[in-house]
């Protein structure tokens, strides 16, 4: 349970920090991905996305929600609903990112977010197994 709680706390802190970057220094994100993209020979990030007010609203709101879910994992480690919801949020973000990368313009930010959020979702589901009893075939639903 200690690893579960420490990981949840680390995720909450990391998500909150990223949310603050999105809110107060979105240009740093654009610059970082553009620089990395040039080195990798791929476009970094759609021009002007990070500075868009709409991007900032949605990005900060999403980071608030995932921070809250990770915090609830830390505060209530016996409740399996928090990691289940956090994993779904991360998998949704990963899937949309991968689709945008594959079907739209191939920006590094899409590939990176798809990979990172997919991995976070898997880690959270693995952690959830520490607190949730296996769901029987007859019980159904998400536990």
Protein backbone atom coordinates (compact mmCIF):
# COMPACT_ATOMS: atom_id res chain seq x y z
CA UNK A 1 0.00 0.00 0.00
CA UNK A 2 2.96 2.29 0.58
CA UNK A 3 4.06 2.14 -3.07
CA UNK A 4 0.46 2.80 -4.13
CA UNK A 5 0.13 5.89 -1.94
CA UNK A 6 3.59 7.28 -2.81
CA UNK A 7 2.94 6.82 -6.53
CA UNK A 8 -0.47 8.49 -6.22
CA UNK A 9 1.07 11.43 -4.38
CA UNK A 10 3.87 11.75 -6.95
CA UNK A 11 1.29 11.71 -9.76
CA UNK A 12 -0.81 14.37 -8.03
CA UNK A 13 2.22 16.64 -7.60
CA UNK A 14 3.36 16.06 -11.20
CA UNK A 15 -0.11 16.70 -12.64
CA UNK A 16 -0.49 19.89 -10.58
CA UNK A 17 2.93 21.11 -11.76
CA UNK A 18 2.07 20.45 -15.40
CA UNK A 19 -1.24 22.25 -14.92
CA UNK A 20 0.62 25.28 -13.57
CA UNK A 21 2.94 25.25 -16.59
CA UNK A 22 -0.10 25.13 -18.89
CA UNK A 23 -1.62 28.05 -17.02
CA UNK A 24 1.36 30.34 -16.46
CA UNK A 25 4.02 29.35 -19.02
CA UNK A 26 2.37 27.67 -22.00
CA UNK A 27 5.01 29.09 -24.36
CA UNK A 28 7.64 26.95 -22.61
CA UNK A 29 5.72 23.88 -23.72
CA UNK A 30 5.61 25.09 -27.32
CA UNK A 31 9.33 25.89 -27.30
CA UNK A 32 10.31 22.58 -25.76
CA UNK A 33 8.34 20.47 -28.23
CA UNK A 34 9.46 22.54 -31.21
CA UNK A 35 13.10 22.11 -30.17
CA UNK A 36 12.73 18.37 -29.56
CA UNK A 37 10.81 18.01 -32.81
CA UNK A 38 13.58 19.68 -34.82
CA UNK A 39 16.09 17.25 -33.32
CA UNK A 40 13.83 14.30 -34.17
CA UNK A 41 13.02 15.58 -37.65
CA UNK A 42 9.30 15.96 -36.93
CA UNK A 43 7.01 18.91 -36.23
CA UNK A 44 6.92 19.64 -32.50
CA UNK A 45 3.52 21.15 -31.82
CA UNK A 46 0.86 22.96 -33.85
CA UNK A 47 1.82 26.63 -34.05
CA UNK A 48 0.15 28.80 -31.44
CA UNK A 49 -1.72 25.96 -29.72
CA UNK A 50 -0.10 26.45 -26.32
CA UNK A 51 -0.86 30.17 -26.25
CA UNK A 52 -4.50 29.70 -27.18
CA UNK A 53 -6.85 30.64 -24.37
CA UNK A 54 -9.06 27.69 -25.23
CA UNK A 55 -6.13 25.25 -25.01
CA UNK A 56 -5.20 26.69 -21.63
CA UNK A 57 -8.75 26.39 -20.28
CA UNK A 58 -9.11 22.76 -21.34
CA UNK A 59 -5.57 21.74 -20.42
CA UNK A 60 -5.71 23.29 -16.95
CA UNK A 61 -9.19 21.85 -16.30
CA UNK A 62 -8.03 18.37 -17.35
CA UNK A 63 -4.91 18.62 -15.19
CA UNK A 64 -7.08 19.72 -12.25
CA UNK A 65 -9.28 16.64 -12.66
CA UNK A 66 -6.39 14.16 -12.95
CA UNK A 67 -4.64 15.85 -10.00
CA UNK A 68 -7.82 15.44 -7.94
CA UNK A 69 -8.16 11.77 -8.93
CA UNK A 70 -4.54 11.05 -8.01
CA UNK A 71 -4.98 12.94 -4.73
CA UNK A 72 -8.08 10.87 -3.94
CA UNK A 73 -6.05 7.72 -4.63
CA UNK A 74 -3.55 8.96 -2.06
CA UNK A 75 -6.19 9.96 0.51
CA UNK A 76 -8.46 6.92 0.09
CA UNK A 77 -6.24 4.09 -1.07
CA UNK A 78 -8.80 1.37 -0.32
CA UNK A 79 -11.33 2.83 -2.77
CA UNK A 80 -10.79 1.38 -6.28
CA UNK A 81 -12.94 3.98 -8.04
CA UNK A 82 -10.23 6.69 -8.09
CA UNK A 83 -7.58 4.72 -9.98
CA UNK A 84 -10.26 3.36 -12.33
CA UNK A 85 -11.34 6.89 -13.23
CA UNK A 86 -7.78 8.19 -13.50
CA UNK A 87 -6.80 5.32 -15.81
CA UNK A 88 -9.81 6.03 -18.04
CA UNK A 89 -8.90 9.73 -18.25
CA UNK A 90 -5.32 8.88 -19.19
CA UNK A 91 -6.37 6.23 -21.72
CA UNK A 92 -8.82 8.67 -23.35
CA UNK A 93 -6.08 11.29 -23.63
CA UNK A 94 -3.66 8.71 -25.05
CA UNK A 95 -6.16 7.42 -27.60
CA UNK A 96 -7.09 10.87 -28.89
CA UNK A 97 -3.41 11.79 -29.13
CA UNK A 98 -2.55 8.63 -31.07
CA UNK A 99 -5.49 9.17 -33.42
CA UNK A 100 -4.46 12.77 -34.06
CA UNK A 101 -0.90 11.64 -34.72
CA UNK A 102 -1.97 8.84 -37.07
CA UNK A 103 -4.83 10.55 -38.90
CA UNK A 104 -3.81 14.19 -38.82
CA UNK A 105 -0.50 15.91 -38.86
CA UNK A 106 2.19 13.92 -37.08
CA UNK A 107 3.30 16.23 -34.29
CA UNK A 108 5.75 15.07 -31.64
CA UNK A 109 3.47 16.35 -28.87
CA UNK A 110 0.74 13.92 -29.96
CA UNK A 111 3.08 10.93 -29.98
CA UNK A 112 4.66 11.89 -26.65
CA UNK A 113 1.31 12.45 -24.95
CA UNK A 114 -0.08 9.20 -26.34
CA UNK A 115 2.90 7.27 -25.02
CA UNK A 116 3.14 8.98 -21.62
CA UNK A 117 -0.59 8.97 -20.84
CA UNK A 118 -0.93 5.38 -22.03
CA UNK A 119 1.88 4.32 -19.72
CA UNK A 120 0.41 6.28 -16.81
CA UNK A 121 -2.96 4.61 -17.42
CA UNK A 122 -1.36 1.16 -17.34
CA UNK A 123 0.62 1.93 -14.17
CA UNK A 124 -2.53 3.19 -12.46
CA UNK A 125 -4.44 0.03 -13.43
CA UNK A 126 -1.60 -2.09 -12.07
CA UNK A 127 -1.71 -0.10 -8.85
CA UNK A 128 -5.49 -0.52 -8.71
CA UNK A 129 -4.98 -4.28 -8.53
CA UNK A 130 -3.38 -3.72 -5.12
CA UNK A 131 -6.60 -2.29 -3.69
CA UNK A 132 -9.42 -3.84 -5.72
CA UNK A 133 -10.59 -7.41 -5.42
CA UNK A 134 -10.96 -9.15 -8.78
CA UNK A 135 -14.34 -8.47 -10.40
CA UNK A 136 -16.24 -11.70 -10.97
CA UNK A 137 -17.80 -12.36 -14.35
CA UNK A 138 -21.26 -12.16 -12.81
CA UNK A 139 -20.68 -8.91 -10.92
CA UNK A 140 -20.00 -6.85 -14.08
CA UNK A 141 -19.27 -3.15 -14.18
CA UNK A 142 -16.24 -1.19 -13.13
CA UNK A 143 -15.13 -1.59 -9.54
